[in-house]
């Protein structure tokens, strides 16, 4: 026994009086051992239960840590390059910013369709508030947003990561939740910067609330432009099949999206026509940002900033004009005061002096009559 012999030989032989006898000392020692072992068992149970409680408090965080360790072990076993490993770790850091991992698919699968739709709609509410045509108070748009929330999938893109390339087949439509996305085309205006050799020039940069990729989904066209993340971007993706299912009961919304897709396709076709004709395309003369993107917070903020600058300039110009008018007014007031003073002095002069001033001067050697 652990420590039993030491207790029996050292402590209890000396403490047991001879009048009690050996039987009493043996009973007392066994009771002491029983209490010791009971205390150890109780201590172990308490510690284990406490550990279970602590671990269950952050189960999602523990699942995230286990997932990251699993991914690191996988990259070591496959001997991936250090740069690629760093990009994978950065992806997990951005995609799971709260350091928590949930099996959302299994959670949603166990719920009823109504509850599932309400939860997903609540989760996608921030996205819908940023997309202009989904912010509408129209009942059809609200119902479409609720249906759309069940089909959207999040996608995290690192900086300078390609989303899709021009001329490829596409079956997805993308909504920008955060970050900036560059739209690239080989038919971009000649005065726009070339992003990369073989990729083309920069058409425009879109931000939160914009959507792209709808031309390939609605008009069965290949990608009319390429897309690349300018910064770290969080997107939401929906396939063309799921989008068609969502739009089945919402013809007005489908018509709106088809108009946007047609407008953007026509803009690219005009650029192609000018390129074939050898005409010079100028970004200043061409409308690259359409009406749908202009309603997003990114372009509205730029418009507000321009309005503030114009307002400030107008205020400064008004101040300058007011100062000029004030100086002119002051000069006019001084002139008016001098004129009034002259008239006042003239009225105070004797009439005799007025007559004398009108007479001819006396020449030298002449005497004045009278």
Protein backbone atom coordinates (compact mmCIF):
# COMPACT_ATOMS: atom_id res chain seq x y z
CA UNK A 1 0.00 0.00 0.00
CA UNK A 2 1.10 3.55 -0.70
CA UNK A 3 2.25 5.01 2.57
CA UNK A 4 0.30 2.44 4.57
CA UNK A 5 3.26 0.69 6.13
CA UNK A 6 4.92 3.94 7.14
CA UNK A 7 1.76 5.13 8.87
CA UNK A 8 1.25 1.85 10.70
CA UNK A 9 4.86 1.46 11.81
CA UNK A 10 5.78 5.00 12.64
CA UNK A 11 2.76 6.88 13.88
CA UNK A 12 0.16 4.51 15.19
CA UNK A 13 2.31 2.07 17.17
CA UNK A 14 3.49 4.86 19.38
CA UNK A 15 0.05 6.49 19.63
CA UNK A 16 -1.88 3.34 20.62
CA UNK A 17 -1.92 2.85 24.35
CA UNK A 18 -1.15 -0.63 25.57
CA UNK A 19 -4.48 -0.82 27.38
CA UNK A 20 -6.37 -0.69 24.06
CA UNK A 21 -4.68 -3.71 22.63
CA UNK A 22 -3.45 -4.55 19.15
CA UNK A 23 -6.93 -5.05 17.73
CA UNK A 24 -7.92 -1.43 18.35
CA UNK A 25 -4.73 -0.05 16.76
CA UNK A 26 -5.28 -2.22 13.69
CA UNK A 27 -8.88 -0.98 13.34
CA UNK A 28 -7.83 2.63 13.69
CA UNK A 29 -5.12 2.31 11.06
CA UNK A 30 -7.49 0.71 8.55
CA UNK A 31 -10.06 3.44 9.11
CA UNK A 32 -7.38 6.05 8.50
CA UNK A 33 -6.31 4.38 5.28
CA UNK A 34 -9.92 4.15 4.14
CA UNK A 35 -10.40 7.87 4.73
CA UNK A 36 -7.22 8.68 2.82
CA UNK A 37 -8.24 6.65 -0.19
CA UNK A 38 -11.76 8.08 -0.12
CA UNK A 39 -10.33 11.59 -0.08
CA UNK A 40 -8.09 10.81 -3.06
CA UNK A 41 -10.99 9.39 -5.03
CA UNK A 42 -13.14 12.41 -4.20
CA UNK A 43 -10.31 14.76 -5.22
CA UNK A 44 -9.88 12.95 -8.54
CA UNK A 45 -13.60 13.09 -9.28
CA UNK A 46 -13.77 16.80 -8.50
CA UNK A 47 -10.76 17.59 -10.71
CA UNK A 48 -12.12 15.53 -13.60
CA UNK A 49 -15.54 17.15 -13.41
CA UNK A 50 -13.97 20.58 -13.26
CA UNK A 51 -11.85 19.78 -16.31
CA UNK A 52 -14.93 18.62 -18.22
CA UNK A 53 -16.75 21.85 -17.37
CA UNK A 54 -13.81 24.00 -18.48
CA UNK A 55 -13.44 22.14 -21.76
CA UNK A 56 -17.16 22.25 -22.50
CA UNK A 57 -17.23 26.01 -21.97
CA UNK A 58 -15.16 26.61 -25.17
CA UNK A 59 -15.82 23.55 -27.26
CA UNK A 60 -15.83 25.54 -30.51
CA UNK A 61 -12.45 27.08 -29.66
CA UNK A 62 -11.04 23.65 -28.91
CA UNK A 63 -12.36 22.35 -32.23
CA UNK A 64 -10.64 25.25 -34.00
CA UNK A 65 -7.32 24.52 -32.25
CA UNK A 66 -7.57 20.84 -33.15
CA UNK A 67 -8.35 21.75 -36.76
CA UNK A 68 -5.35 24.07 -37.00
CA UNK A 69 -3.08 21.39 -35.51
CA UNK A 70 -4.45 18.88 -38.00
CA UNK A 71 -3.80 21.24 -40.90
CA UNK A 72 -0.26 21.97 -39.69
CA UNK A 73 0.46 18.26 -39.41
CA UNK A 74 -0.92 17.71 -42.92
CA UNK A 75 1.30 20.46 -44.38
CA UNK A 76 4.36 19.02 -42.64
CA UNK A 77 3.64 15.53 -43.94
CA UNK A 78 3.18 16.83 -47.51
CA UNK A 79 6.30 19.02 -47.19
CA UNK A 80 4.60 22.12 -48.52
CA UNK A 81 6.66 25.25 -49.12
CA UNK A 82 6.96 27.73 -46.23
CA UNK A 83 5.21 30.47 -48.25
CA UNK A 84 2.24 28.23 -49.02
CA UNK A 85 2.02 27.16 -45.37
CA UNK A 86 1.93 30.78 -44.29
CA UNK A 87 -0.88 31.52 -46.75
CA UNK A 88 -2.91 28.57 -45.45
CA UNK A 89 -2.47 29.74 -41.85
CA UNK A 90 -3.45 33.29 -42.88
CA UNK A 91 -6.57 31.92 -44.54
CA UNK A 92 -7.68 30.17 -41.35
CA UNK A 93 -6.93 33.28 -39.32
CA UNK A 94 -9.10 35.43 -41.57
CA UNK A 95 -11.88 32.90 -42.19
CA UNK A 96 -12.25 32.16 -38.45
CA UNK A 97 -11.53 35.52 -36.86
CA UNK A 98 -13.23 34.57 -33.60
CA UNK A 99 -11.11 31.38 -33.37
CA UNK A 100 -14.21 29.18 -33.24
CA UNK A 101 -15.22 26.29 -35.48
CA UNK A 102 -18.76 24.97 -35.82
CA UNK A 103 -20.26 22.18 -37.85
CA UNK A 104 -22.94 24.50 -39.19
CA UNK A 105 -24.15 22.03 -41.81
CA UNK A 106 -25.07 19.39 -39.24
CA UNK A 107 -26.69 22.01 -36.98
CA UNK A 108 -28.85 23.36 -39.81
CA UNK A 109 -29.74 19.86 -40.99
CA UNK A 110 -31.38 19.00 -37.68
CA UNK A 111 -33.60 22.11 -37.66
CA UNK A 112 -36.93 22.66 -39.37
CA UNK A 113 -36.90 24.59 -42.70
CA UNK A 114 -38.58 27.64 -41.14
CA UNK A 115 -36.06 27.87 -38.30
CA UNK A 116 -33.18 27.24 -40.67
CA UNK A 117 -34.29 30.10 -42.92
CA UNK A 118 -34.74 32.49 -40.00
CA UNK A 119 -31.29 31.72 -38.58
CA UNK A 120 -29.54 32.06 -41.94
CA UNK A 121 -31.42 35.25 -42.73
CA UNK A 122 -30.30 36.68 -39.40
CA UNK A 123 -26.70 35.68 -40.13
CA UNK A 124 -26.75 37.28 -43.60
CA UNK A 125 -28.51 40.46 -42.48
CA UNK A 126 -25.34 42.57 -42.60
CA UNK A 127 -24.72 41.49 -46.18
CA UNK A 128 -28.25 42.31 -47.32
CA UNK A 129 -28.03 45.77 -45.72
CA UNK A 130 -24.99 46.51 -47.87
CA UNK A 131 -26.41 45.37 -51.21
CA UNK A 132 -28.55 48.23 -52.61
CA UNK A 133 -31.25 46.23 -54.37
CA UNK A 134 -31.64 43.91 -51.37
CA UNK A 135 -32.11 46.85 -48.97
CA UNK A 136 -35.46 47.61 -50.57
CA UNK A 137 -38.54 47.54 -48.35
CA UNK A 138 -40.45 45.84 -51.14
CA UNK A 139 -42.01 42.57 -49.98
CA UNK A 140 -40.72 40.64 -52.98
CA UNK A 141 -37.13 41.73 -52.31
CA UNK A 142 -37.44 40.77 -48.64
CA UNK A 143 -38.80 37.34 -49.51
CA UNK A 144 -36.08 36.89 -52.11
CA UNK A 145 -33.42 37.83 -49.53
CA UNK A 146 -34.79 35.23 -47.14
CA UNK A 147 -34.67 32.58 -49.87
CA UNK A 148 -31.22 33.70 -50.99
CA UNK A 149 -29.81 33.40 -47.47
CA UNK A 150 -30.32 29.62 -47.53
CA UNK A 151 -28.16 29.21 -50.65
CA UNK A 152 -25.22 31.56 -50.02
CA UNK A 153 -21.82 30.16 -49.06
CA UNK A 154 -18.99 32.29 -47.60
CA UNK A 155 -15.68 32.56 -49.42
CA UNK A 156 -12.50 34.15 -48.07
CA UNK A 157 -10.00 35.55 -50.60
CA UNK A 158 -6.48 36.61 -49.74
CA UNK A 159 -4.85 39.73 -51.12
CA UNK A 160 -4.09 39.54 -54.88
CA UNK A 161 -5.85 36.17 -55.10
CA UNK A 162 -7.58 35.45 -58.41
CA UNK A 163 -11.34 34.77 -58.18
CA UNK A 164 -11.89 33.96 -61.84
CA UNK A 165 -10.30 34.84 -65.17
CA UNK A 166 -11.68 36.46 -68.28
CA UNK A 167 -12.98 34.09 -70.93
CA UNK A 168 -13.54 31.13 -68.59
CA UNK A 169 -16.83 29.32 -68.05
CA UNK A 170 -18.63 30.51 -64.96
CA UNK A 171 -21.54 29.19 -62.94
CA UNK A 172 -21.34 31.36 -59.82
CA UNK A 173 -22.43 34.83 -58.78
CA UNK A 174 -20.58 36.71 -56.05
CA UNK A 175 -21.61 39.29 -53.44
CA UNK A 176 -18.91 41.41 -51.76
CA UNK A 177 -19.29 41.53 -47.98
CA UNK A 178 -15.98 43.20 -47.13
CA UNK A 179 -12.76 44.14 -48.86
CA UNK A 180 -12.07 45.36 -52.40
CA UNK A 181 -12.26 43.46 -55.69
CA UNK A 182 -10.63 44.47 -58.97
CA UNK A 183 -12.43 43.84 -62.25
CA UNK A 184 -9.95 43.31 -65.10
CA UNK A 185 -10.33 43.16 -68.87
CA UNK A 186 -8.10 42.98 -71.91
CA UNK A 187 -10.44 45.53 -73.52
CA UNK A 188 -10.08 48.09 -70.74
CA UNK A 189 -9.52 51.76 -71.69
CA UNK A 190 -6.00 52.49 -72.84
CA UNK A 191 -5.31 55.03 -70.09
CA UNK A 192 -6.11 52.59 -67.25
CA UNK A 193 -3.18 50.90 -65.49
CA UNK A 194 -2.19 47.40 -66.62
CA UNK A 195 -2.43 45.21 -63.54
CA UNK A 196 -0.44 42.27 -64.81
CA UNK A 197 0.86 41.01 -68.15
CA UNK A 198 -1.74 38.85 -69.85
CA UNK A 199 -4.46 39.86 -67.41
CA UNK A 200 -5.39 43.21 -68.93
CA UNK A 201 -6.21 46.60 -67.59
CA UNK A 202 -8.22 47.69 -64.62
CA UNK A 203 -11.88 48.32 -65.35
CA UNK A 204 -12.93 49.37 -61.86
CA UNK A 205 -12.64 48.53 -58.18
CA UNK A 206 -15.77 47.52 -56.30
CA UNK A 207 -16.37 47.17 -52.58
CA UNK A 208 -18.93 46.00 -50.02
CA UNK A 209 -22.46 45.76 -51.40
CA UNK A 210 -21.47 45.15 -55.02
CA UNK A 211 -22.06 41.91 -56.88
CA UNK A 212 -20.44 40.44 -59.99
CA UNK A 213 -20.46 37.30 -62.12
CA UNK A 214 -24.14 37.64 -63.02
CA UNK A 215 -23.45 37.90 -66.79
CA UNK A 216 -22.27 34.29 -67.00
CA UNK A 217 -25.21 33.11 -64.88
CA UNK A 218 -28.06 34.93 -66.66
CA UNK A 219 -26.83 35.32 -70.25
CA UNK A 220 -24.92 32.01 -70.65
CA UNK A 221 -21.76 33.91 -71.57
CA UNK A 222 -18.18 33.23 -70.71
CA UNK A 223 -16.65 35.55 -68.19
CA UNK A 224 -16.53 38.97 -69.83
CA UNK A 225 -13.94 40.19 -67.31
CA UNK A 226 -11.61 38.81 -64.70
CA UNK A 227 -11.88 39.37 -60.96
CA UNK A 228 -9.14 39.54 -58.38
CA UNK A 229 -9.12 40.47 -54.70
CA UNK A 230 -7.30 43.76 -54.23
CA UNK A 231 -7.32 43.33 -50.46
CA UNK A 232 -8.44 40.54 -48.17
CA UNK A 233 -12.07 40.07 -49.15
CA UNK A 234 -15.02 38.14 -47.75
CA UNK A 235 -17.46 37.10 -50.47
CA UNK A 236 -20.69 35.15 -50.59
CA UNK A 237 -21.19 32.77 -53.51
CA UNK A 238 -24.29 31.24 -55.09
CA UNK A 239 -24.36 28.86 -58.05
CA UNK A 240 -26.45 29.55 -61.12
CA UNK A 241 -28.71 26.56 -60.39
CA UNK A 242 -29.43 27.68 -56.84
CA UNK A 243 -29.95 31.24 -58.06
CA UNK A 244 -32.50 30.05 -60.62
CA UNK A 245 -34.37 28.18 -57.88
CA UNK A 246 -34.43 31.30 -55.71
CA UNK A 247 -35.73 33.50 -58.55
CA UNK A 248 -38.45 31.11 -59.61
CA UNK A 249 -41.12 32.98 -57.61
CA UNK A 250 -39.66 36.49 -57.97
CA UNK A 251 -39.93 37.63 -61.61
CA UNK A 252 -39.37 41.34 -60.89
CA UNK A 253 -36.08 40.65 -59.12
CA UNK A 254 -34.99 38.38 -61.94
CA UNK A 255 -35.82 41.08 -64.49
CA UNK A 256 -33.77 43.61 -62.51
CA UNK A 257 -30.72 41.35 -62.36
CA UNK A 258 -31.03 40.56 -66.08
CA UNK A 259 -31.09 44.29 -66.88
CA UNK A 260 -27.93 44.82 -64.84
CA UNK A 261 -26.25 41.89 -66.58
CA UNK A 262 -27.30 43.19 -70.01
CA UNK A 263 -25.98 46.68 -69.27
CA UNK A 264 -22.62 45.35 -68.16
CA UNK A 265 -22.37 43.04 -71.17
CA UNK A 266 -23.15 45.91 -73.55
CA UNK A 267 -20.42 48.02 -71.95
CA UNK A 268 -17.84 45.28 -72.60
CA UNK A 269 -19.14 44.77 -76.16
CA UNK A 270 -18.70 48.50 -76.83
CA UNK A 271 -15.11 48.25 -75.66
CA UNK A 272 -14.53 45.26 -77.93
CA UNK A 273 -16.02 47.12 -80.91
CA UNK A 274 -13.81 50.14 -80.29
CA UNK A 275 -10.79 47.88 -79.92
CA UNK A 276 -11.48 46.15 -83.25
CA UNK A 277 -11.99 49.51 -84.96
CA UNK A 278 -8.70 50.76 -83.57
CA UNK A 279 -10.35 53.62 -81.74
CA UNK A 280 -8.73 55.01 -78.62
CA UNK A 281 -10.66 54.19 -75.48
CA UNK A 282 -10.48 56.83 -72.77
CA UNK A 283 -11.62 56.02 -69.23
CA UNK A 284 -12.75 59.59 -68.77
CA UNK A 285 -15.20 59.35 -71.66
CA UNK A 286 -16.44 55.82 -70.83
CA UNK A 287 -18.76 54.93 -67.97
CA UNK A 288 -17.02 52.08 -66.15
CA UNK A 289 -19.03 52.18 -62.92
CA UNK A 290 -22.68 51.35 -63.55
CA UNK A 291 -25.71 52.62 -61.68
CA UNK A 292 -25.92 49.55 -59.44
CA UNK A 293 -22.38 49.90 -58.09
CA UNK A 294 -22.81 53.65 -57.71
CA UNK A 295 -25.43 53.03 -55.02
CA UNK A 296 -23.04 51.12 -52.74
CA UNK A 297 -21.45 52.71 -49.70
CA UNK A 298 -18.03 52.83 -51.32
CA UNK A 299 -19.07 55.07 -54.23
CA UNK A 300 -21.58 57.01 -52.14
CA UNK A 301 -18.78 57.88 -49.73
CA UNK A 302 -16.64 59.10 -52.63
CA UNK A 303 -19.55 61.16 -53.96
CA UNK A 304 -20.15 62.63 -50.50
CA UNK A 305 -16.46 63.49 -50.23
CA UNK A 306 -16.57 65.24 -53.60
CA UNK A 307 -19.69 67.12 -52.54
CA UNK A 308 -17.98 68.21 -49.34
CA UNK A 309 -14.98 69.45 -51.32
CA UNK A 310 -17.24 71.37 -53.72
CA UNK A 311 -19.20 72.81 -50.82
CA UNK A 312 -16.02 73.92 -49.08
CA UNK A 313 -14.76 75.55 -52.27
CA UNK A 314 -18.06 77.35 -52.78
CA UNK A 315 -17.98 78.60 -49.21
CA UNK A 316 -14.43 79.89 -49.64
CA UNK A 317 -15.39 81.57 -52.92
CA UNK A 318 -18.41 83.17 -51.25
CA UNK A 319 -16.22 84.45 -48.43
CA UNK A 320 -13.78 85.97 -50.92
CA UNK A 321 -16.61 87.59 -52.84
CA UNK A 322 -18.12 88.85 -49.62
CA UNK A 323 -14.78 90.31 -48.57
CA UNK A 324 -14.50 91.99 -51.96
CA UNK A 325 -17.99 93.34 -51.70
CA UNK A 326 -17.25 94.48 -48.15
CA UNK A 327 -14.16 96.35 -49.26
CA UNK A 328 -16.05 97.95 -52.14
CA UNK A 329 -18.91 98.80 -49.83
CA UNK A 330 -16.53 100.38 -47.34
CA UNK A 331 -14.98 102.48 -50.08
CA UNK A 332 -18.42 103.53 -51.26
CA UNK A 333 -19.37 104.46 -47.71
CA UNK A 334 -16.21 106.58 -47.34
CA UNK A 335 -16.90 108.26 -50.68
CA UNK A 336 -20.49 108.92 -49.64
CA UNK A 337 -19.37 110.40 -46.35
CA UNK A 338 -16.88 112.71 -48.11
CA UNK A 339 -19.56 113.82 -50.56
CA UNK A 340 -21.95 114.57 -47.71
CA UNK A 341 -19.21 116.44 -45.87
CA UNK A 342 -18.49 118.51 -48.96
CA UNK A 343 -22.15 119.38 -49.37
CA UNK A 344 -22.37 120.25 -45.68
CA UNK A 345 -19.38 122.62 -45.92
CA UNK A 346 -20.73 124.22 -49.03
CA UNK A 347 -23.99 125.03 -47.33
CA UNK A 348 -22.15 126.66 -44.42
CA UNK A 349 -20.15 129.06 -46.69
CA UNK A 350 -21.39 132.69 -47.09
CA UNK A 351 -23.13 133.48 -50.29
CA UNK A 352 -20.77 136.45 -50.74
CA UNK A 353 -17.84 134.18 -51.17
CA UNK A 354 -19.78 132.26 -53.75
CA UNK A 355 -20.19 135.47 -55.77
CA UNK A 356 -16.55 136.42 -55.30
CA UNK A 357 -15.46 133.03 -56.44
CA UNK A 358 -17.44 133.59 -59.60
CA UNK A 359 -15.88 137.00 -60.40
CA UNK A 360 -12.78 137.28 -62.61
CA UNK A 361 -9.47 137.67 -60.92
CA UNK A 362 -7.93 141.17 -60.51
CA UNK A 363 -4.92 141.59 -62.74
CA UNK A 364 -1.75 143.19 -61.31
CA UNK A 365 -1.75 147.00 -61.47
CA UNK A 366 -5.55 147.16 -61.55
CA UNK A 367 -7.75 148.43 -58.76
CA UNK A 368 -11.03 147.08 -57.83
CA UNK A 369 -13.98 149.37 -58.21
CA UNK A 370 -15.80 150.53 -55.12
